[in-house]
Amino acid sequence: MADHDDFASAVDDYLTRSHTGERRRALLDGGGWDAGLASELAGLGWYSLAVPQDRGGIGAPPAALGHVFLVEYGRHLLPGPLLENSLLPALVEQIVPAADGTPPALVDPGASVPGDLGSVAVTGREVVGSVAAVRFAAQAGVLVVVAGTTVCLVDPDSPGVRIEPLVSADPGVAFASVSFDGAVAHTLVTDDGLGDRIRSWGRLLLACELGGLARGALDRTVAHVGQREQFGRPIGGFQAVKHLVADMSARSTGLHNLCLAALADAGGASPPELDLIASTAKAHAADAAVRVCEDAIQLHGGMGFTTETDVSWYYRRALALRGWYGDETELRHHVGAALLDPERQS
């Protein structure tokens, strides 16, 4: 794990130098996709961390990705297909990270409440159906389609595939709708449970990213209240402000520690256990990160809502990630059902 910590430290050093101020806000204001940034990160090898060594990767376990998402990506407000480029090549043997950062897109109706995004079915190799919102579908080199227990790969330029870009409320993600009208999958992945593993690890990494967002919002708020003055003294000296910052710190630290514990348990977990671990972490993250960001906005006053302050971007990102693969209400019901059904833990 020391090597993976060194990797996370190198990511932090690089982002501290290169992803600050105007560049960060310009990337976030650019619609969630920047081909130059994706190519830059691919060239640095960031997307190969959890790819097996026999396929040219570093060979870290998927849990190592969580440390980067938790400590670095979320805290530095890094936009782009980080989840898609990092996780899918690690779990799907047929995908190799593209040298130019072109992402695979995960076409998964299960990314939201069942039925809300649509549905997809695969018969033989023929794919039909639609998904109303897919991250980075318009930029993808391959579509990874999850249809029930089937996972298949579809060329986005194939006949029968229609991709329409959407306006995104998430400053870090470009969305598009995807529909299939008899499109032919060029690869059927024969790996039982792959779709469930993709969803569980995706949910856990999003929880980690929310944890990083909470830590980033807290750090900027602590700096702000230490500099902003009223009545001739920093507002951080006022008791009410101290209490609010203490609450933010408690939520952020609790979320950070929960994510670390979840990552430690996830590596050797069975599929039902992994689902429960990831759902628990994401349920807490969806609530805690948004609360921390709301408090950050309050302590920044009116300027907190402007795009010239980073806390507004943290808040928008947290709100967008809150519901992806389940918000706190949906996942608490899911966790409760799992705990009350012993057969789901066997």
Protein backbone atom coordinates (compact mmCIF):
# COMPACT_ATOMS: atom_id res chain seq x y z
CA MET A 1 0.00 0.00 0.00
CA ALA A 2 2.99 2.29 0.49
CA ASP A 3 3.52 2.44 -3.27
CA HIS A 4 -0.10 3.45 -3.73
CA ASP A 5 0.25 6.15 -1.07
CA ASP A 6 3.27 7.42 -2.98
CA PHE A 7 1.11 7.53 -6.11
CA ALA A 8 -1.56 9.56 -4.30
CA SER A 9 1.13 11.92 -3.00
CA ALA A 10 2.46 12.40 -6.53
CA VAL A 11 -1.08 13.17 -7.74
CA ASP A 12 -1.47 15.74 -4.97
CA ASP A 13 1.85 17.39 -5.79
CA TYR A 14 0.97 17.62 -9.46
CA LEU A 15 -2.53 19.01 -8.91
CA THR A 16 -1.28 21.51 -6.34
CA ARG A 17 1.10 22.90 -8.96
CA SER A 18 -1.02 22.68 -12.10
CA HIS A 19 -4.71 22.67 -11.15
CA THR A 20 -5.24 25.92 -9.30
CA GLY A 21 -7.11 29.17 -9.67
CA GLU A 22 -8.13 30.22 -13.16
CA ARG A 23 -7.33 26.89 -14.80
CA ARG A 24 -9.53 24.92 -12.40
CA ARG A 25 -12.47 27.29 -12.82
CA ALA A 26 -12.05 27.40 -16.60
CA LEU A 27 -12.15 23.58 -16.74
CA LEU A 28 -15.21 23.43 -14.51
CA ASP A 29 -16.91 26.10 -16.61
CA GLY A 30 -16.14 24.19 -19.80
CA GLY A 31 -18.91 21.62 -19.53
CA GLY A 32 -17.10 18.79 -17.77
CA TRP A 33 -14.93 17.65 -20.68
CA ASP A 34 -11.53 18.82 -21.79
CA ALA A 35 -9.67 16.59 -24.26
CA GLY A 36 -6.34 18.18 -23.39
CA LEU A 37 -6.74 17.45 -19.68
CA ALA A 38 -7.82 13.85 -20.36
CA SER A 39 -4.78 13.30 -22.57
CA GLU A 40 -2.55 14.91 -19.96
CA LEU A 41 -3.75 12.60 -17.20
CA ALA A 42 -3.50 9.55 -19.47
CA GLY A 43 0.07 10.48 -20.27
CA LEU A 44 0.86 10.63 -16.56
CA GLY A 45 -0.45 7.08 -16.13
CA TRP A 46 -3.22 8.00 -13.72
CA TYR A 47 -5.80 5.83 -15.47
CA SER A 48 -3.62 2.71 -15.23
CA LEU A 49 -3.33 2.52 -11.44
CA ALA A 50 -5.70 -0.45 -11.01
CA VAL A 51 -5.14 -2.02 -14.45
CA PRO A 52 -3.32 -5.38 -14.14
CA GLN A 53 0.37 -5.37 -14.98
CA ASP A 54 -0.07 -7.89 -17.79
CA ARG A 55 -2.19 -5.26 -19.56
CA GLY A 56 0.31 -2.46 -19.02
CA GLY A 57 -1.04 -1.07 -15.74
CA ILE A 58 0.42 -0.56 -12.28
CA GLY A 59 -1.53 -3.49 -10.84
CA ALA A 60 -2.98 -1.89 -7.71
CA PRO A 61 -6.27 -3.25 -6.33
CA PRO A 62 -9.44 -1.24 -7.05
CA ALA A 63 -9.41 -0.05 -3.43
CA ALA A 64 -6.28 1.96 -4.22
CA LEU A 65 -8.39 4.08 -6.56
CA GLY A 66 -10.48 5.12 -3.57
CA HIS A 67 -7.52 6.76 -1.88
CA VAL A 68 -6.90 8.90 -4.96
CA PHE A 69 -10.58 9.81 -5.36
CA LEU A 70 -10.92 10.56 -1.62
CA VAL A 71 -7.76 12.49 -0.96
CA GLU A 72 -6.99 14.07 -4.33
CA TYR A 73 -9.64 14.15 -7.05
CA GLY A 74 -12.49 15.43 -4.90
CA ARG A 75 -10.39 17.81 -2.84
CA HIS A 76 -8.82 19.37 -5.94
CA LEU A 77 -12.15 19.59 -7.84
CA LEU A 78 -10.75 17.70 -10.82
CA PRO A 79 -13.35 17.33 -13.61
CA GLY A 80 -13.57 14.72 -16.34
CA PRO A 81 -14.17 10.99 -16.83
CA LEU A 82 -12.10 9.97 -13.82
CA LEU A 83 -14.44 7.16 -12.78
CA GLU A 84 -14.83 5.80 -16.31
CA ASN A 85 -11.15 5.98 -17.25
CA SER A 86 -9.94 4.60 -13.91
CA LEU A 87 -12.47 1.91 -13.00
CA LEU A 88 -13.75 0.37 -16.24
CA PRO A 89 -10.34 -0.67 -17.64
CA ALA A 90 -9.54 -2.14 -14.21
CA LEU A 91 -12.67 -4.33 -14.12
CA VAL A 92 -13.32 -5.08 -17.81
CA GLU A 93 -10.46 -7.04 -19.37
CA GLN A 94 -11.48 -6.07 -22.88
CA ILE A 95 -10.81 -2.35 -22.24
CA VAL A 96 -7.34 -0.80 -22.33
CA PRO A 97 -6.90 2.84 -21.22
CA ALA A 98 -6.64 5.02 -24.31
CA ALA A 99 -3.33 6.82 -24.72
CA ASP A 100 -5.15 10.07 -25.50
CA GLY A 101 -7.57 9.80 -22.58
CA THR A 102 -10.62 8.96 -24.70
CA PRO A 103 -12.96 7.44 -22.11
CA PRO A 104 -15.22 4.42 -22.14
CA ALA A 105 -18.78 5.40 -21.20
CA LEU A 106 -20.85 3.36 -18.77
CA VAL A 107 -24.38 2.99 -20.14
CA ASP A 108 -26.20 1.81 -17.04
CA PRO A 109 -29.91 2.31 -16.34
CA GLY A 110 -29.13 1.38 -12.72
CA ALA A 111 -27.19 4.61 -12.15
CA SER A 112 -30.40 6.14 -10.80
CA VAL A 113 -33.75 5.02 -9.36
CA PRO A 114 -34.91 1.96 -11.35
CA GLY A 115 -36.98 3.11 -14.30
CA ASP A 116 -35.96 6.76 -14.11
CA LEU A 117 -33.23 6.57 -16.73
CA GLY A 118 -34.81 3.99 -19.02
CA SER A 119 -33.92 0.39 -19.77
CA VAL A 120 -31.69 -1.67 -22.04
CA ALA A 121 -32.01 -5.29 -23.21
CA VAL A 122 -29.60 -7.55 -25.08
CA THR A 123 -30.80 -10.45 -27.22
CA GLY A 124 -27.96 -12.39 -28.73
CA ARG A 125 -25.74 -9.49 -29.73
CA GLU A 126 -28.53 -7.05 -30.53
CA VAL A 127 -29.03 -4.13 -28.15
CA VAL A 128 -32.28 -2.19 -27.80
CA GLY A 129 -33.48 0.47 -25.38
CA SER A 130 -32.35 3.83 -24.12
CA VAL A 131 -30.71 5.54 -21.16
CA ALA A 132 -31.60 9.19 -20.57
CA ALA A 133 -28.31 10.27 -18.99
CA VAL A 134 -24.87 8.75 -19.57
CA ARG A 135 -21.63 10.34 -18.43
CA PHE A 136 -19.25 11.22 -21.30
CA ALA A 137 -21.16 9.20 -23.91
CA ALA A 138 -20.55 11.82 -26.61
CA GLN A 139 -16.78 11.66 -26.01
CA ALA A 140 -16.48 7.89 -25.57
CA GLY A 141 -14.48 5.49 -27.68
CA VAL A 142 -16.58 2.53 -26.50
CA LEU A 143 -19.91 2.12 -24.73
CA VAL A 144 -19.96 -0.34 -21.82
CA VAL A 145 -23.60 -1.38 -21.61
CA VAL A 146 -25.03 -2.97 -18.47
CA ALA A 147 -28.31 -4.72 -19.26
CA GLY A 148 -29.46 -6.79 -16.32
CA THR A 149 -26.81 -9.46 -15.76
CA THR A 150 -25.28 -8.89 -19.20
CA VAL A 151 -22.39 -6.55 -19.95
CA CYS A 152 -21.45 -5.83 -23.54
CA LEU A 153 -19.31 -3.40 -25.51
CA VAL A 154 -20.78 -1.33 -28.34
CA ASP A 155 -19.04 0.97 -30.80
CA PRO A 156 -20.64 4.44 -30.41
CA ASP A 157 -20.43 4.89 -34.20
CA SER A 158 -22.30 1.66 -34.94
CA PRO A 159 -25.60 1.73 -36.89
CA GLY A 160 -28.51 1.84 -34.50
CA VAL A 161 -26.71 3.94 -31.87
CA ARG A 162 -27.91 7.47 -31.24
CA ILE A 163 -26.11 9.83 -28.85
CA GLU A 164 -27.43 13.30 -28.04
CA PRO A 165 -25.44 15.65 -25.78
CA LEU A 166 -27.32 17.18 -22.85
CA VAL A 167 -26.91 20.33 -20.79
CA SER A 168 -25.30 19.24 -17.52
CA ALA A 169 -25.89 20.66 -14.07
CA ASP A 170 -22.70 18.93 -12.94
CA PRO A 171 -19.68 21.13 -13.70
CA GLY A 172 -17.40 18.11 -13.75
CA VAL A 173 -19.33 15.84 -16.11
CA ALA A 174 -20.59 16.00 -19.70
CA PHE A 175 -23.84 14.07 -20.14
CA ALA A 176 -25.64 12.64 -23.17
CA SER A 177 -28.64 10.44 -23.82
CA VAL A 178 -28.01 7.12 -25.54
CA SER A 179 -30.50 4.99 -27.47
CA PHE A 180 -30.07 1.65 -29.21
CA ASP A 181 -32.24 0.45 -32.08
CA GLY A 182 -30.90 -2.97 -32.91
CA ALA A 183 -27.25 -1.95 -32.47
CA VAL A 184 -24.84 -4.90 -32.56
CA ALA A 185 -22.48 -5.42 -29.63
CA HIS A 186 -18.98 -6.26 -30.82
CA THR A 187 -18.14 -7.96 -27.48
CA LEU A 188 -20.19 -9.81 -24.90
CA VAL A 189 -18.36 -9.98 -21.60
CA THR A 190 -18.77 -13.45 -20.09
CA ASP A 191 -18.10 -12.57 -16.46
CA ASP A 192 -20.91 -13.35 -14.06
CA GLY A 193 -21.53 -10.54 -11.61
CA LEU A 194 -19.45 -7.98 -13.51
CA GLY A 195 -22.32 -5.50 -13.72
CA ASP A 196 -22.87 -5.68 -9.97
CA ARG A 197 -19.14 -5.21 -9.30
CA ILE A 198 -19.02 -2.17 -11.58
CA ARG A 199 -21.95 -0.62 -9.76
CA SER A 200 -20.59 -1.36 -6.29
CA TRP A 201 -17.10 -0.04 -6.99
CA GLY A 202 -18.55 2.96 -8.83
CA ARG A 203 -20.74 3.74 -5.84
CA LEU A 204 -17.81 3.42 -3.44
CA LEU A 205 -15.50 5.63 -5.53
CA LEU A 206 -18.22 8.28 -5.80
CA ALA A 207 -18.53 8.18 -2.00
CA CYS A 208 -14.79 8.77 -1.80
CA GLU A 209 -14.99 11.65 -4.25
CA LEU A 210 -17.74 13.21 -2.13
CA GLY A 211 -15.46 12.79 0.87
CA GLY A 212 -12.75 14.69 -0.98
CA LEU A 213 -15.22 17.43 -1.90
CA ALA A 214 -16.19 17.81 1.75
CA ARG A 215 -12.54 18.08 2.79
CA GLY A 216 -11.81 20.64 0.07
CA ALA A 217 -14.80 22.79 1.06
CA LEU A 218 -13.74 22.62 4.72
CA ASP A 219 -10.14 23.61 3.94
CA ARG A 220 -11.24 26.65 1.96
CA THR A 221 -13.71 27.68 4.64
CA VAL A 222 -11.12 27.47 7.41
CA ALA A 223 -8.81 29.68 5.34
CA HIS A 224 -11.64 32.14 4.63
CA VAL A 225 -12.83 32.59 8.24
CA GLY A 226 -9.24 33.09 9.32
CA GLN A 227 -8.86 36.03 6.91
CA ARG A 228 -12.31 37.61 6.66
CA GLU A 229 -12.71 40.35 9.27
CA GLN A 230 -15.69 41.94 10.97
CA PHE A 231 -15.53 44.46 13.82
CA GLY A 232 -11.76 44.47 13.49
CA ARG A 233 -11.19 40.74 14.01
CA PRO A 234 -11.32 37.53 11.89
CA ILE A 235 -14.79 36.01 11.86
CA GLY A 236 -13.22 32.67 12.77
CA GLY A 237 -12.82 34.05 16.30
CA PHE A 238 -16.59 34.31 16.84
CA GLN A 239 -18.14 31.51 18.86
CA ALA A 240 -21.00 30.81 16.43
CA VAL A 241 -18.57 30.50 13.54
CA LYS A 242 -16.34 28.19 15.56
CA HIS A 243 -19.30 25.91 16.26
CA LEU A 244 -20.26 25.72 12.60
CA VAL A 245 -16.71 24.99 11.46
CA ALA A 246 -16.40 22.34 14.17
CA ASP A 247 -19.55 20.66 12.83
CA MET A 248 -18.12 20.77 9.30
CA SER A 249 -14.87 19.24 10.51
CA ALA A 250 -16.67 16.47 12.38
CA ARG A 251 -18.77 15.56 9.33
CA SER A 252 -15.82 15.70 6.95
CA THR A 253 -13.55 13.66 9.21
CA GLY A 254 -16.26 11.10 9.91
CA LEU A 255 -16.91 10.67 6.20
CA HIS A 256 -13.19 10.41 5.45
CA ASN A 257 -12.72 7.69 8.08
CA LEU A 258 -15.81 5.79 6.93
CA CYS A 259 -14.49 5.75 3.36
CA LEU A 260 -11.09 4.50 4.53
CA ALA A 261 -12.77 1.72 6.52
CA ALA A 262 -14.98 0.82 3.55
CA LEU A 263 -11.98 0.63 1.23
CA ALA A 264 -10.12 -1.57 3.71
CA ASP A 265 -13.06 -4.00 3.85
CA ALA A 266 -13.98 -3.93 0.16
CA GLY A 267 -10.98 -5.76 -1.26
CA GLY A 268 -11.81 -9.18 0.14
CA ALA A 269 -15.59 -8.77 0.29
CA SER A 270 -18.09 -11.08 -1.36
CA PRO A 271 -20.43 -9.49 -3.92
CA PRO A 272 -23.29 -9.02 -1.40
CA GLU A 273 -20.85 -7.67 1.19
CA LEU A 274 -19.31 -5.28 -1.34
CA ASP A 275 -22.77 -4.03 -2.27
CA LEU A 276 -23.57 -3.37 1.39
CA ILE A 277 -20.22 -1.68 2.07
CA ALA A 278 -20.48 0.58 -0.97
CA SER A 279 -24.13 1.45 -0.36
CA THR A 280 -23.46 2.34 3.28
CA ALA A 281 -20.54 4.60 2.35
CA LYS A 282 -22.43 6.31 -0.47
CA ALA A 283 -25.54 6.85 1.68
CA HIS A 284 -23.51 8.66 4.33
CA ALA A 285 -21.41 10.54 1.78
CA ALA A 286 -24.46 11.82 -0.10
CA ASP A 287 -25.75 13.47 3.06
CA ALA A 288 -22.54 14.54 4.81
CA ALA A 289 -20.78 16.12 1.83
CA VAL A 290 -23.76 18.26 0.87
CA ARG A 291 -24.16 19.45 4.47
CA VAL A 292 -20.50 20.43 4.68
CA CYS A 293 -20.78 22.36 1.42
CA GLU A 294 -23.97 24.09 2.57
CA ASP A 295 -22.21 25.27 5.71
CA ALA A 296 -19.26 26.43 3.60
CA ILE A 297 -21.61 28.53 1.49
CA GLN A 298 -23.18 30.04 4.62
CA LEU A 299 -19.82 31.00 6.12
CA HIS A 300 -18.71 32.63 2.86
CA GLY A 301 -21.85 34.78 2.78
CA GLY A 302 -23.17 36.10 -0.54
CA MET A 303 -19.84 35.56 -2.28
CA GLY A 304 -20.17 31.83 -1.62
CA PHE A 305 -22.75 31.54 -4.38
CA THR A 306 -20.55 33.14 -7.03
CA THR A 307 -18.41 31.14 -9.43
CA GLU A 308 -15.41 33.21 -8.39
CA THR A 309 -15.19 31.25 -5.15
CA ASP A 310 -14.39 27.56 -5.17
CA VAL A 311 -17.02 26.67 -2.57
CA SER A 312 -19.81 27.23 -5.08
CA TRP A 313 -18.20 24.66 -7.37
CA TYR A 314 -17.82 22.18 -4.50
CA TYR A 315 -21.49 22.61 -3.69
CA ARG A 316 -22.62 22.05 -7.28
CA ARG A 317 -20.44 18.97 -7.62
CA ALA A 318 -21.69 17.52 -4.34
CA LEU A 319 -25.32 18.07 -5.32
CA ALA A 320 -24.74 16.39 -8.69
CA LEU A 321 -22.94 13.35 -7.26
CA ARG A 322 -25.41 13.02 -4.40
CA GLY A 323 -28.00 11.17 -6.49
CA TRP A 324 -25.72 9.26 -8.86
CA TYR A 325 -26.02 5.56 -7.94
CA GLY A 326 -28.38 6.46 -5.14
CA ASP A 327 -28.85 9.28 -2.65
CA GLU A 328 -29.02 8.84 1.11
CA THR A 329 -32.76 8.03 1.21
CA GLU A 330 -32.67 5.38 -1.53
CA LEU A 331 -29.55 3.72 -0.21
CA ARG A 332 -30.70 3.66 3.41
CA HIS A 333 -33.74 1.68 2.27
CA HIS A 334 -31.44 -0.58 0.25
CA VAL A 335 -29.08 -1.16 3.18
CA GLY A 336 -31.99 -1.81 5.53
CA ALA A 337 -33.48 -4.38 3.16
CA ALA A 338 -30.10 -6.11 2.88
CA LEU A 339 -29.63 -6.27 6.64
CA LEU A 340 -33.13 -7.67 7.14
CA ASP A 341 -32.61 -10.38 4.51
CA PRO A 342 -29.92 -12.82 5.71
CA GLU A 343 -29.96 -14.66 2.36
CA ARG A 344 -28.56 -11.56 0.66
CA GLN A 345 -25.46 -11.81 2.85
CA SER A 346 -24.71 -15.45 2.04
